[in-house]
Amino acid sequence: MRRVINGAHVILYSRDADADRAFIRDVLGFPGVDAGGGWLLFKLPPAEVAVHPVHPVDGDPTHELYLMCDDIAVQVEEFAGRGVEITRPVSDQGWGRLAAVRLPSGAELAFYEPRHPVAHSL
């Protein structure tokens, strides 16, 4: 089978796009390119996608973004050391350990240390 899909493009809508772009570049350290007119596109780490059923009380389907890490305690310590607000302390979700930080725009960005098999390196 010839592969036509060669990547994924994620869009984060922001109330302060410049500040969030700087966070992604400077704090997360993701390299990027200017696609023209100041529209920065950042290289993401390897990714995977999961499809979950909508819970009946949750309403319409939505999309979520979680960054994955090898050691969540080290990642939380690194963020805290850089002055990043930890909005959700590490919690055990069974499938992994989850936490979140505050982006400069006020939005939250979650990240987790998976305990499940990962597909991103297949």
PDB file of N, CA and C in Angstrom:
ATOM      1  N   MET A   1       0.848  -1.182   0.000  1.00  0.00           N
ATOM      2  CA  MET A   1       0.000   0.000   0.000  1.00  0.00           C
ATOM      3  C   MET A   1       0.893   1.246   0.000  1.00  0.00           C
ATOM      4  N   ARG A   2       0.659   2.135  -0.909  1.00  0.00           N
ATOM      5  CA  ARG A   2       1.408   3.387  -0.973  1.00  0.00           C
ATOM      6  C   ARG A   2       0.903   4.350   0.088  1.00  0.00           C
ATOM      7  N   ARG A   3       1.806   4.872   0.900  1.00  0.00           N
ATOM      8  CA  ARG A   3       1.418   5.823   1.950  1.00  0.00           C
ATOM      9  C   ARG A   3       1.340   7.226   1.370  1.00  0.00           C
ATOM     10  N   VAL A   4       0.209   7.853   1.569  1.00  0.00           N
ATOM     11  CA  VAL A   4       0.011   9.221   1.104  1.00  0.00           C
ATOM     12  C   VAL A   4       0.108  10.187   2.280  1.00  0.00           C
ATOM     13  N   ILE A   5      -0.421   9.793   3.433  1.00  0.00           N
ATOM     14  CA  ILE A   5      -0.354  10.627   4.634  1.00  0.00           C
ATOM     15  C   ILE A   5       1.080  10.575   5.149  1.00  0.00           C
ATOM     16  N   ASN A   6       1.690  11.741   5.362  1.00  0.00           N
ATOM     17  CA  ASN A   6       3.086  11.758   5.787  1.00  0.00           C
ATOM     18  C   ASN A   6       3.313  12.536   7.077  1.00  0.00           C
ATOM     19  N   GLY A   7       2.257  12.960   7.737  1.00  0.00           N
ATOM     20  CA  GLY A   7       2.409  13.701   8.983  1.00  0.00           C
ATOM     21  C   GLY A   7       1.071  14.173   9.498  1.00  0.00           C
ATOM     22  N   ALA A   8       1.124  14.888  10.592  1.00  0.00           N
ATOM     23  CA  ALA A   8      -0.077  15.459  11.190  1.00  0.00           C
ATOM     24  C   ALA A   8       0.196  16.923  11.514  1.00  0.00           C
ATOM     25  N   HIS A   9      -0.823  17.741  11.434  1.00  0.00           N
ATOM     26  CA  HIS A   9      -0.712  19.169  11.721  1.00  0.00           C
ATOM     27  C   HIS A   9      -1.699  19.481  12.835  1.00  0.00           C
ATOM     28  N   VAL A  10      -1.194  19.951  13.943  1.00  0.00           N
ATOM     29  CA  VAL A  10      -2.019  20.273  15.107  1.00  0.00           C
ATOM     30  C   VAL A  10      -2.128  21.781  15.199  1.00  0.00           C
ATOM     31  N   ILE A  11      -3.323  22.287  15.471  1.00  0.00           N
ATOM     32  CA  ILE A  11      -3.531  23.728  15.641  1.00  0.00           C
ATOM     33  C   ILE A  11      -3.984  23.982  17.078  1.00  0.00           C
ATOM     34  N   LEU A  12      -3.268  24.865  17.765  1.00  0.00           N
ATOM     35  CA  LEU A  12      -3.683  25.317  19.085  1.00  0.00           C
ATOM     36  C   LEU A  12      -4.219  26.735  18.924  1.00  0.00           C
ATOM     37  N   TYR A  13      -5.466  26.942  19.247  1.00  0.00           N
ATOM     38  CA  TYR A  13      -6.018  28.295  19.205  1.00  0.00           C
ATOM     39  C   TYR A  13      -5.666  28.992  20.513  1.00  0.00           C
ATOM     40  N   SER A  14      -5.244  30.244  20.429  1.00  0.00           N
ATOM     41  CA  SER A  14      -4.701  30.938  21.585  1.00  0.00           C
ATOM     42  C   SER A  14      -5.225  32.363  21.670  1.00  0.00           C
ATOM     43  N   ARG A  15      -5.359  32.851  22.893  1.00  0.00           N
ATOM     44  CA  ARG A  15      -5.722  34.258  23.113  1.00  0.00           C
ATOM     45  C   ARG A  15      -4.477  35.151  23.086  1.00  0.00           C
ATOM     46  N   ASP A  16      -3.282  34.532  23.097  1.00  0.00           N
ATOM     47  CA  ASP A  16      -2.024  35.267  22.993  1.00  0.00           C
ATOM     48  C   ASP A  16      -1.040  34.388  22.224  1.00  0.00           C
ATOM     49  N   ALA A  17      -1.238  34.317  20.920  1.00  0.00           N
ATOM     50  CA  ALA A  17      -0.466  33.403  20.073  1.00  0.00           C
ATOM     51  C   ALA A  17       1.031  33.687  20.133  1.00  0.00           C
ATOM     52  N   ASP A  18       1.439  34.952  20.152  1.00  0.00           N
ATOM     53  CA  ASP A  18       2.866  35.264  20.189  1.00  0.00           C
ATOM     54  C   ASP A  18       3.520  34.709  21.450  1.00  0.00           C
ATOM     55  N   ALA A  19       2.866  34.881  22.592  1.00  0.00           N
ATOM     56  CA  ALA A  19       3.423  34.392  23.851  1.00  0.00           C
ATOM     57  C   ALA A  19       3.460  32.862  23.874  1.00  0.00           C
ATOM     58  N   ASP A  20       2.418  32.223  23.383  1.00  0.00           N
ATOM     59  CA  ASP A  20       2.399  30.758  23.364  1.00  0.00           C
ATOM     60  C   ASP A  20       3.421  30.207  22.378  1.00  0.00           C
ATOM     61  N   ARG A  21       3.618  30.882  21.247  1.00  0.00           N
ATOM     62  CA  ARG A  21       4.658  30.457  20.305  1.00  0.00           C
ATOM     63  C   ARG A  21       6.037  30.561  20.962  1.00  0.00           C
ATOM     64  N   ALA A  22       6.283  31.639  21.701  1.00  0.00           N
ATOM     65  CA  ALA A  22       7.559  31.799  22.396  1.00  0.00           C
ATOM     66  C   ALA A  22       7.748  30.692  23.436  1.00  0.00           C
ATOM     67  N   PHE A  23       6.681  30.318  24.130  1.00  0.00           N
ATOM     68  CA  PHE A  23       6.743  29.231  25.111  1.00  0.00           C
ATOM     69  C   PHE A  23       7.128  27.920  24.422  1.00  0.00           C
ATOM     70  N   ILE A  24       6.495  27.628  23.318  1.00  0.00           N
ATOM     71  CA  ILE A  24       6.782  26.386  22.589  1.00  0.00           C
ATOM     72  C   ILE A  24       8.230  26.388  22.098  1.00  0.00           C
ATOM     73  N   ARG A  25       8.680  27.516  21.621  1.00  0.00           N
ATOM     74  CA  ARG A  25      10.059  27.626  21.123  1.00  0.00           C
ATOM     75  C   ARG A  25      11.072  27.626  22.262  1.00  0.00           C
ATOM     76  N   ASP A  26      10.864  28.481  23.268  1.00  0.00           N
ATOM     77  CA  ASP A  26      11.880  28.730  24.286  1.00  0.00           C
ATOM     78  C   ASP A  26      11.823  27.775  25.477  1.00  0.00           C
ATOM     79  N   VAL A  27      10.634  27.409  25.907  1.00  0.00           N
ATOM     80  CA  VAL A  27      10.503  26.540  27.081  1.00  0.00           C
ATOM     81  C   VAL A  27      10.488  25.072  26.664  1.00  0.00           C
ATOM     82  N   LEU A  28       9.644  24.745  25.676  1.00  0.00           N
ATOM     83  CA  LEU A  28       9.606  23.353  25.228  1.00  0.00           C
ATOM     84  C   LEU A  28      10.789  23.011  24.335  1.00  0.00           C
ATOM     85  N   GLY A  29      11.379  24.025  23.702  1.00  0.00           N
ATOM     86  CA  GLY A  29      12.556  23.804  22.868  1.00  0.00           C
ATOM     87  C   GLY A  29      12.263  23.161  21.527  1.00  0.00           C
ATOM     88  N   PHE A  30      11.043  23.318  21.018  1.00  0.00           N
ATOM     89  CA  PHE A  30      10.695  22.735  19.722  1.00  0.00           C
ATOM     90  C   PHE A  30      11.208  23.634  18.604  1.00  0.00           C
ATOM     91  N   PRO A  31      11.994  23.080  17.679  1.00  0.00           N
ATOM     92  CA  PRO A  31      12.454  23.888  16.542  1.00  0.00           C
ATOM     93  C   PRO A  31      11.292  24.174  15.600  1.00  0.00           C
ATOM     94  N   GLY A  32      11.415  25.233  14.821  1.00  0.00           N
ATOM     95  CA  GLY A  32      10.322  25.572  13.920  1.00  0.00           C
ATOM     96  C   GLY A  32      10.777  26.327  12.697  1.00  0.00           C
ATOM     97  N   VAL A  33       9.825  26.597  11.846  1.00  0.00           N
ATOM     98  CA  VAL A  33      10.055  27.367  10.623  1.00  0.00           C
ATOM     99  C   VAL A  33       8.993  28.450  10.536  1.00  0.00           C
ATOM    100  N   ASP A  34       9.317  29.519   9.839  1.00  0.00           N
ATOM    101  CA  ASP A  34       8.341  30.566   9.554  1.00  0.00           C
ATOM    102  C   ASP A  34       7.695  30.197   8.231  1.00  0.00           C
ATOM    103  N   ALA A  35       6.416  29.924   8.263  1.00  0.00           N
ATOM    104  CA  ALA A  35       5.688  29.529   7.058  1.00  0.00           C
ATOM    105  C   ALA A  35       5.309  30.738   6.218  1.00  0.00           C
ATOM    106  N   GLY A  36       5.685  31.931   6.685  1.00  0.00           N
ATOM    107  CA  GLY A  36       5.365  33.163   5.982  1.00  0.00           C
ATOM    108  C   GLY A  36       4.471  34.033   6.827  1.00  0.00           C
ATOM    109  N   GLY A  37       4.762  35.304   6.855  1.00  0.00           N
ATOM    110  CA  GLY A  37       3.929  36.240   7.591  1.00  0.00           C
ATOM    111  C   GLY A  37       3.960  36.046   9.096  1.00  0.00           C
ATOM    112  N   GLY A  38       5.021  35.419   9.606  1.00  0.00           N
ATOM    113  CA  GLY A  38       5.114  35.216  11.045  1.00  0.00           C
ATOM    114  C   GLY A  38       4.390  33.989  11.558  1.00  0.00           C
ATOM    115  N   TRP A  39       3.808  33.196  10.678  1.00  0.00           N
ATOM    116  CA  TRP A  39       3.130  31.967  11.092  1.00  0.00           C
ATOM    117  C   TRP A  39       4.180  30.905  11.352  1.00  0.00           C
ATOM    118  N   LEU A  40       4.477  30.659  12.626  1.00  0.00           N
ATOM    119  CA  LEU A  40       5.488  29.680  12.989  1.00  0.00           C
ATOM    120  C   LEU A  40       4.874  28.287  13.054  1.00  0.00           C
ATOM    121  N   LEU A  41       5.603  27.342  12.495  1.00  0.00           N
ATOM    122  CA  LEU A  41       5.223  25.928  12.563  1.00  0.00           C
ATOM    123  C   LEU A  41       6.332  25.213  13.322  1.00  0.00           C
ATOM    124  N   PHE A  42       5.966  24.431  14.324  1.00  0.00           N
ATOM    125  CA  PHE A  42       6.945  23.770  15.168  1.00  0.00           C
ATOM    126  C   PHE A  42       6.983  22.276  14.902  1.00  0.00           C
ATOM    127  N   LYS A  43       8.193  21.744  14.927  1.00  0.00           N
ATOM    128  CA  LYS A  43       8.376  20.308  14.810  1.00  0.00           C
ATOM    129  C   LYS A  43       7.947  19.684  16.132  1.00  0.00           C
ATOM    130  N   LEU A  44       7.105  18.683  16.052  1.00  0.00           N
ATOM    131  CA  LEU A  44       6.673  17.955  17.243  1.00  0.00           C
ATOM    132  C   LEU A  44       7.499  16.688  17.411  1.00  0.00           C
ATOM    133  N   PRO A  45       7.528  16.180  18.624  1.00  0.00           N
ATOM    134  CA  PRO A  45       8.145  14.869  18.821  1.00  0.00           C
ATOM    135  C   PRO A  45       7.290  13.813  18.102  1.00  0.00           C
ATOM    136  N   PRO A  46       7.783  12.578  18.007  1.00  0.00           N
ATOM    137  CA  PRO A  46       6.955  11.530  17.407  1.00  0.00           C
ATOM    138  C   PRO A  46       5.575  11.525  18.060  1.00  0.00           C
ATOM    139  N   ALA A  47       4.570  11.190  17.292  1.00  0.00           N
ATOM    140  CA  ALA A  47       3.194  11.290  17.780  1.00  0.00           C
ATOM    141  C   ALA A  47       2.418  10.010  17.516  1.00  0.00           C
ATOM    142  N   GLU A  48       1.282   9.919  18.143  1.00  0.00           N
ATOM    143  CA  GLU A  48       0.330   8.845  17.901  1.00  0.00           C
ATOM    144  C   GLU A  48      -1.064   9.418  18.083  1.00  0.00           C
ATOM    145  N   VAL A  49      -2.058   8.732  17.596  1.00  0.00           N
ATOM    146  CA  VAL A  49      -3.436   9.201  17.722  1.00  0.00           C
ATOM    147  C   VAL A  49      -4.295   8.069  18.295  1.00  0.00           C
ATOM    148  N   ALA A  50      -5.182   8.420  19.190  1.00  0.00           N
ATOM    149  CA  ALA A  50      -6.117   7.468  19.779  1.00  0.00           C
ATOM    150  C   ALA A  50      -7.528   7.952  19.477  1.00  0.00           C
ATOM    151  N   VAL A  51      -8.445   7.040  19.301  1.00  0.00           N
ATOM    152  CA  VAL A  51      -9.846   7.389  19.068  1.00  0.00           C
ATOM    153  C   VAL A  51     -10.665   6.760  20.187  1.00  0.00           C
ATOM    154  N   HIS A  52     -11.309   7.619  20.971  1.00  0.00           N
ATOM    155  CA  HIS A  52     -12.116   7.168  22.105  1.00  0.00           C
ATOM    156  C   HIS A  52     -13.580   7.448  21.816  1.00  0.00           C
ATOM    157  N   PRO A  53     -14.485   6.611  22.322  1.00  0.00           N
ATOM    158  CA  PRO A  53     -15.908   6.921  22.153  1.00  0.00           C
ATOM    159  C   PRO A  53     -16.277   8.136  23.004  1.00  0.00           C
ATOM    160  N   VAL A  54     -17.231   8.903  22.525  1.00  0.00           N
ATOM    161  CA  VAL A  54     -17.736  10.046  23.288  1.00  0.00           C
ATOM    162  C   VAL A  54     -18.595   9.502  24.415  1.00  0.00           C
ATOM    163  N   HIS A  55     -18.337   9.974  25.609  1.00  0.00           N
ATOM    164  CA  HIS A  55     -19.172   9.587  26.745  1.00  0.00           C
ATOM    165  C   HIS A  55     -20.527  10.259  26.579  1.00  0.00           C
ATOM    166  N   PRO A  56     -21.617   9.549  26.815  1.00  0.00           N
ATOM    167  CA  PRO A  56     -22.958  10.123  26.566  1.00  0.00           C
ATOM    168  C   PRO A  56     -23.221  11.459  27.237  1.00  0.00           C
ATOM    169  N   VAL A  57     -22.650  11.723  28.406  1.00  0.00           N
ATOM    170  CA  VAL A  57     -22.922  12.989  29.092  1.00  0.00           C
ATOM    171  C   VAL A  57     -21.955  14.091  28.689  1.00  0.00           C
ATOM    172  N   ASP A  58     -20.934  13.763  27.897  1.00  0.00           N
ATOM    173  CA  ASP A  58     -19.935  14.755  27.508  1.00  0.00           C
ATOM    174  C   ASP A  58     -20.353  15.622  26.335  1.00  0.00           C
ATOM    175  N   GLY A  59     -21.392  15.235  25.616  1.00  0.00           N
ATOM    176  CA  GLY A  59     -21.827  16.066  24.495  1.00  0.00           C
ATOM    177  C   GLY A  59     -21.082  15.776  23.215  1.00  0.00           C
ATOM    178  N   ASP A  60     -20.773  16.840  22.472  1.00  0.00           N
ATOM    179  CA  ASP A  60     -20.151  16.707  21.160  1.00  0.00           C
ATOM    180  C   ASP A  60     -18.698  16.239  21.256  1.00  0.00           C
ATOM    181  N   PRO A  61     -18.222  15.534  20.215  1.00  0.00           N
ATOM    182  CA  PRO A  61     -16.823  15.123  20.198  1.00  0.00           C
ATOM    183  C   PRO A  61     -15.888  16.336  20.211  1.00  0.00           C
ATOM    184  N   THR A  62     -14.752  16.188  20.852  1.00  0.00           N
ATOM    185  CA  THR A  62     -13.723  17.224  20.912  1.00  0.00           C
ATOM    186  C   THR A  62     -12.372  16.576  20.600  1.00  0.00           C
ATOM    187  N   HIS A  63     -11.343  17.387  20.530  1.00  0.00           N
ATOM    188  CA  HIS A  63      -9.986  16.893  20.328  1.00  0.00           C
ATOM    189  C   HIS A  63      -9.133  17.379  21.485  1.00  0.00           C
ATOM    190  N   GLU A  64      -8.140  16.587  21.862  1.00  0.00           N
ATOM    191  CA  GLU A  64      -7.245  16.953  22.953  1.00  0.00           C
ATOM    192  C   GLU A  64      -5.808  16.716  22.519  1.00  0.00           C
ATOM    193  N   LEU A  65      -4.885  17.463  23.088  1.00  0.00           N
ATOM    194  CA  LEU A  65      -3.465  17.293  22.836  1.00  0.00           C
ATOM    195  C   LEU A  65      -2.773  17.039  24.166  1.00  0.00           C
ATOM    196  N   TYR A  66      -2.014  15.963  24.229  1.00  0.00           N
ATOM    197  CA  TYR A  66      -1.184  15.659  25.385  1.00  0.00           C
ATOM    198  C   TYR A  66       0.234  15.444  24.873  1.00  0.00           C
ATOM    199  N   LEU A  67       1.203  16.106  25.476  1.00  0.00           N
ATOM    200  CA  LEU A  67       2.592  15.802  25.191  1.00  0.00           C
ATOM    201  C   LEU A  67       2.992  14.619  26.066  1.00  0.00           C
ATOM    202  N   MET A  68       3.859  13.770  25.547  1.00  0.00           N
ATOM    203  CA  MET A  68       4.293  12.588  26.283  1.00  0.00           C
ATOM    204  C   MET A  68       5.730  12.783  26.756  1.00  0.00           C
ATOM    205  N   CYS A  69       6.064  12.233  27.919  1.00  0.00           N
ATOM    206  CA  CYS A  69       7.417  12.346  28.442  1.00  0.00           C
ATOM    207  C   CYS A  69       7.840  11.019  29.057  1.00  0.00           C
ATOM    208  N   ASP A  70       9.153  10.859  29.214  1.00  0.00           N
ATOM    209  CA  ASP A  70       9.700   9.625  29.786  1.00  0.00           C
ATOM    210  C   ASP A  70       9.633   9.605  31.304  1.00  0.00           C
ATOM    211  N   ASP A  71       9.764  10.766  31.935  1.00  0.00           N
ATOM    212  CA  ASP A  71       9.794  10.843  33.396  1.00  0.00           C
ATOM    213  C   ASP A  71       9.079  12.126  33.826  1.00  0.00           C
ATOM    214  N   ILE A  72       7.843  11.993  34.255  1.00  0.00           N
ATOM    215  CA  ILE A  72       7.015  13.169  34.536  1.00  0.00           C
ATOM    216  C   ILE A  72       7.546  13.967  35.729  1.00  0.00           C
ATOM    217  N   ALA A  73       8.137  13.300  36.716  1.00  0.00           N
ATOM    218  CA  ALA A  73       8.673  14.029  37.870  1.00  0.00           C
ATOM    219  C   ALA A  73       9.809  14.952  37.439  1.00  0.00           C
ATOM    220  N   VAL A  74      10.676  14.466  36.579  1.00  0.00           N
ATOM    221  CA  VAL A  74      11.778  15.290  36.069  1.00  0.00           C
ATOM    222  C   VAL A  74      11.223  16.439  35.237  1.00  0.00           C
ATOM    223  N   GLN A  75      10.199  16.168  34.415  1.00  0.00           N
ATOM    224  CA  GLN A  75       9.629  17.210  33.566  1.00  0.00           C
ATOM    225  C   GLN A  75       8.961  18.296  34.404  1.00  0.00           C
ATOM    226  N   VAL A  76       8.216  17.913  35.431  1.00  0.00           N
ATOM    227  CA  VAL A  76       7.580  18.893  36.321  1.00  0.00           C
ATOM    228  C   VAL A  76       8.643  19.741  37.004  1.00  0.00           C
ATOM    229  N   GLU A  77       9.699  19.106  37.469  1.00  0.00           N
ATOM    230  CA  GLU A  77      10.788  19.842  38.132  1.00  0.00           C
ATOM    231  C   GLU A  77      11.440  20.838  37.161  1.00  0.00           C
ATOM    232  N   GLU A  78      11.643  20.417  35.915  1.00  0.00           N
ATOM    233  CA  GLU A  78      12.236  21.317  34.918  1.00  0.00           C
ATOM    234  C   GLU A  78      11.324  22.513  34.649  1.00  0.00           C
ATOM    235  N   PHE A  79      10.030  22.255  34.468  1.00  0.00           N
ATOM    236  CA  PHE A  79       9.085  23.360  34.243  1.00  0.00           C
ATOM    237  C   PHE A  79       9.069  24.302  35.435  1.00  0.00           C
ATOM    238  N   ALA A  80       8.956  23.764  36.635  1.00  0.00           N
ATOM    239  CA  ALA A  80       8.912  24.599  37.834  1.00  0.00           C
ATOM    240  C   ALA A  80      10.184  25.428  37.963  1.00  0.00           C
ATOM    241  N   GLY A  81      11.322  24.846  37.638  1.00  0.00           N
ATOM    242  CA  GLY A  81      12.590  25.561  37.696  1.00  0.00           C
ATOM    243  C   GLY A  81      12.677  26.702  36.701  1.00  0.00           C
ATOM    244  N   ARG A  82      11.870  26.642  35.657  1.00  0.00           N
ATOM    245  CA  ARG A  82      11.842  27.717  34.654  1.00  0.00           C
ATOM    246  C   ARG A  82      10.710  28.702  34.924  1.00  0.00           C
ATOM    247  N   GLY A  83      10.035  28.541  36.058  1.00  0.00           N
ATOM    248  CA  GLY A  83       8.973  29.467  36.430  1.00  0.00           C
ATOM    249  C   GLY A  83       7.637  29.193  35.771  1.00  0.00           C
ATOM    250  N   VAL A  84       7.478  28.011  35.188  1.00  0.00           N
ATOM    251  CA  VAL A  84       6.219  27.658  34.533  1.00  0.00           C
ATOM    252  C   VAL A  84       5.226  27.206  35.603  1.00  0.00           C
ATOM    253  N   GLU A  85       4.003  27.734  35.529  1.00  0.00           N
ATOM    254  CA  GLU A  85       2.968  27.368  36.498  1.00  0.00           C
ATOM    255  C   GLU A  85       2.469  25.952  36.234  1.00  0.00           C
ATOM    256  N   ILE A  86       2.537  25.113  37.258  1.00  0.00           N
ATOM    257  CA  ILE A  86       1.992  23.755  37.181  1.00  0.00           C
ATOM    258  C   ILE A  86       0.524  23.867  37.604  1.00  0.00           C
ATOM    259  N   THR A  87      -0.394  23.639  36.673  1.00  0.00           N
ATOM    260  CA  THR A  87      -1.821  23.810  36.966  1.00  0.00           C
ATOM    261  C   THR A  87      -2.470  22.539  37.489  1.00  0.00           C
ATOM    262  N   ARG A  88      -1.910  21.410  37.127  1.00  0.00           N
ATOM    263  CA  ARG A  88      -2.405  20.128  37.645  1.00  0.00           C
ATOM    264  C   ARG A  88      -1.186  19.330  38.108  1.00  0.00           C
ATOM    265  N   PRO A  89      -1.087  19.078  39.408  1.00  0.00           N
ATOM    266  CA  PRO A  89       0.029  18.275  39.884  1.00  0.00           C
ATOM    267  C   PRO A  89      -0.079  16.850  39.332  1.00  0.00           C
ATOM    268  N   VAL A  90       0.994  16.125  39.423  1.00  0.00           N
ATOM    269  CA  VAL A  90       1.024  14.762  38.892  1.00  0.00           C
ATOM    270  C   VAL A  90      -0.059  13.929  39.565  1.00  0.00           C
ATOM    271  N   SER A  91      -0.832  13.253  38.742  1.00  0.00           N
ATOM    272  CA  SER A  91      -1.859  12.339  39.247  1.00  0.00           C
ATOM    273  C   SER A  91      -1.758  11.023  38.486  1.00  0.00           C
ATOM    274  N   ASP A  92      -2.066   9.950  39.185  1.00  0.00           N
ATOM    275  CA  ASP A  92      -2.029   8.617  38.594  1.00  0.00           C
ATOM    276  C   ASP A  92      -3.382   8.332  37.945  1.00  0.00           C
ATOM    277  N   GLN A  93      -3.368   8.137  36.640  1.00  0.00           N
ATOM    278  CA  GLN A  93      -4.605   7.878  35.907  1.00  0.00           C
ATOM    279  C   GLN A  93      -4.768   6.398  35.562  1.00  0.00           C
ATOM    280  N   GLY A  94      -3.856   5.565  36.011  1.00  0.00           N
ATOM    281  CA  GLY A  94      -3.877   4.146  35.663  1.00  0.00           C
ATOM    282  C   GLY A  94      -3.108   3.892  34.377  1.00  0.00           C
ATOM    283  N   TRP A  95      -3.525   4.527  33.301  1.00  0.00           N
ATOM    284  CA  TRP A  95      -2.866   4.392  31.993  1.00  0.00           C
ATOM    285  C   TRP A  95      -1.571   5.198  31.921  1.00  0.00           C
ATOM    286  N   GLY A  96      -1.362   6.076  32.943  1.00  0.00           N
ATOM    287  CA  GLY A  96      -0.151   6.889  32.982  1.00  0.00           C
ATOM    288  C   GLY A  96      -0.244   7.924  34.079  1.00  0.00           C
ATOM    289  N   ARG A  97       0.813   8.693  34.233  1.00  0.00           N
ATOM    290  CA  ARG A  97       0.859   9.770  35.207  1.00  0.00           C
ATOM    291  C   ARG A  97       0.711  11.081  34.454  1.00  0.00           C
ATOM    292  N   LEU A  98      -0.256  11.917  34.853  1.00  0.00           N
ATOM    293  CA  LEU A  98      -0.682  13.105  34.125  1.00  0.00           C
ATOM    294  C   LEU A  98      -0.432  14.367  34.945  1.00  0.00           C
ATOM    295  N   ALA A  99      -0.048  15.440  34.253  1.00  0.00           N
ATOM    296  CA  ALA A  99       0.092  16.766  34.862  1.00  0.00           C
ATOM    297  C   ALA A  99      -0.201  17.801  33.781  1.00  0.00           C
ATOM    298  N   ALA A 100      -0.222  19.067  34.148  1.00  0.00           N
ATOM    299  CA  ALA A 100      -0.464  20.122  33.163  1.00  0.00           C
ATOM    300  C   ALA A 100       0.211  21.411  33.609  1.00  0.00           C
ATOM    301  N   VAL A 101       0.504  22.254  32.612  1.00  0.00           N
ATOM    302  CA  VAL A 101       1.107  23.562  32.853  1.00  0.00           C
ATOM    303  C   VAL A 101       0.228  24.641  32.230  1.00  0.00           C
ATOM    304  N   ARG A 102       0.463  25.883  32.650  1.00  0.00           N
ATOM    305  CA  ARG A 102      -0.253  27.036  32.113  1.00  0.00           C
ATOM    306  C   ARG A 102       0.587  27.654  31.006  1.00  0.00           C
ATOM    307  N   LEU A 103      -0.009  27.806  29.832  1.00  0.00           N
ATOM    308  CA  LEU A 103       0.639  28.541  28.752  1.00  0.00           C
ATOM    309  C   LEU A 103       0.516  30.037  29.044  1.00  0.00           C
ATOM    310  N   PRO A 104       1.356  30.868  28.457  1.00  0.00           N
ATOM    311  CA  PRO A 104       1.268  32.318  28.692  1.00  0.00           C
ATOM    312  C   PRO A 104      -0.110  32.894  28.382  1.00  0.00           C
ATOM    313  N   SER A 105      -0.840  32.307  27.446  1.00  0.00           N
ATOM    314  CA  SER A 105      -2.166  32.806  27.087  1.00  0.00           C
ATOM    315  C   SER A 105      -3.217  32.493  28.139  1.00  0.00           C
ATOM    316  N   GLY A 106      -2.871  31.626  29.079  1.00  0.00           N
ATOM    317  CA  GLY A 106      -3.835  31.199  30.092  1.00  0.00           C
ATOM    318  C   GLY A 106      -4.370  29.804  29.844  1.00  0.00           C
ATOM    319  N   ALA A 107      -4.184  29.281  28.643  1.00  0.00           N
ATOM    320  CA  ALA A 107      -4.644  27.927  28.327  1.00  0.00           C
ATOM    321  C   ALA A 107      -3.789  26.908  29.067  1.00  0.00           C
ATOM    322  N   GLU A 108      -4.310  25.716  29.177  1.00  0.00           N
ATOM    323  CA  GLU A 108      -3.604  24.647  29.861  1.00  0.00           C
ATOM    324  C   GLU A 108      -3.054  23.663  28.830  1.00  0.00           C
ATOM    325  N   LEU A 109      -1.853  23.138  29.092  1.00  0.00           N
ATOM    326  CA  LEU A 109      -1.232  22.134  28.237  1.00  0.00           C
ATOM    327  C   LEU A 109      -0.897  20.941  29.112  1.00  0.00           C
ATOM    328  N   ALA A 110      -1.520  19.795  28.793  1.00  0.00           N
ATOM    329  CA  ALA A 110      -1.312  18.578  29.581  1.00  0.00           C
ATOM    330  C   ALA A 110      -0.173  17.751  29.004  1.00  0.00           C
ATOM    331  N   PHE A 111       0.458  17.004  29.876  1.00  0.00           N
ATOM    332  CA  PHE A 111       1.505  16.076  29.461  1.00  0.00           C
ATOM    333  C   PHE A 111       1.457  14.875  30.387  1.00  0.00           C
ATOM    334  N   TYR A 112       1.944  13.742  29.874  1.00  0.00           N
ATOM    335  CA  TYR A 112       1.884  12.550  30.696  1.00  0.00           C
ATOM    336  C   TYR A 112       3.014  11.584  30.393  1.00  0.00           C
ATOM    337  N   GLU A 113       3.260  10.727  31.378  1.00  0.00           N
ATOM    338  CA  GLU A 113       4.206   9.626  31.276  1.00  0.00           C
ATOM    339  C   GLU A 113       3.367   8.368  31.080  1.00  0.00           C
ATOM    340  N   PRO A 114       3.364   7.803  29.870  1.00  0.00           N
ATOM    341  CA  PRO A 114       2.493   6.656  29.614  1.00  0.00           C
ATOM    342  C   PRO A 114       2.951   5.389  30.331  1.00  0.00           C
ATOM    343  N   ARG A 115       1.980   4.595  30.719  1.00  0.00           N
ATOM    344  CA  ARG A 115       2.231   3.253  31.240  1.00  0.00           C
ATOM    345  C   ARG A 115       1.763   2.218  30.225  1.00  0.00           C
ATOM    346  N   HIS A 116       1.170   2.660  29.160  1.00  0.00           N
ATOM    347  CA  HIS A 116       0.662   1.767  28.121  1.00  0.00           C
ATOM    348  C   HIS A 116       1.701   1.616  27.017  1.00  0.00           C
ATOM    349  N   PRO A 117       1.597   0.587  26.193  1.00  0.00           N
ATOM    350  CA  PRO A 117       2.498   0.502  25.038  1.00  0.00           C
ATOM    351  C   PRO A 117       2.291   1.730  24.163  1.00  0.00           C
ATOM    352  N   VAL A 118       3.370   2.248  23.591  1.00  0.00           N
ATOM    353  CA  VAL A 118       3.270   3.421  22.730  1.00  0.00           C
ATOM    354  C   VAL A 118       3.440   3.019  21.263  1.00  0.00           C
ATOM    355  N   ALA A 119       2.763   3.756  20.398  1.00  0.00           N
ATOM    356  CA  ALA A 119       2.797   3.460  18.971  1.00  0.00           C
ATOM    357  C   ALA A 119       3.711   4.382  18.202  1.00  0.00           C
ATOM    358  N   HIS A 120       4.162   5.473  18.797  1.00  0.00           N
ATOM    359  CA  HIS A 120       4.877   6.503  18.048  1.00  0.00           C
ATOM    360  C   HIS A 120       6.224   6.069  17.498  1.00  0.00           C
ATOM    361  N   SER A 121       6.750   4.949  17.940  1.00  0.00           N
ATOM    362  CA  SER A 121       8.051   4.513  17.421  1.00  0.00           C
ATOM    363  C   SER A 121       7.951   3.292  16.512  1.00  0.00           C
ATOM    364  N   LEU A 122       6.742   2.930  16.108  1.00  0.00           N
ATOM    365  CA  LEU A 122       6.572   1.774  15.215  1.00  0.00           C
ATOM    366  C   LEU A 122       7.168   2.024  13.859  1.00  0.00           C
TER     367      LEU A 122
END
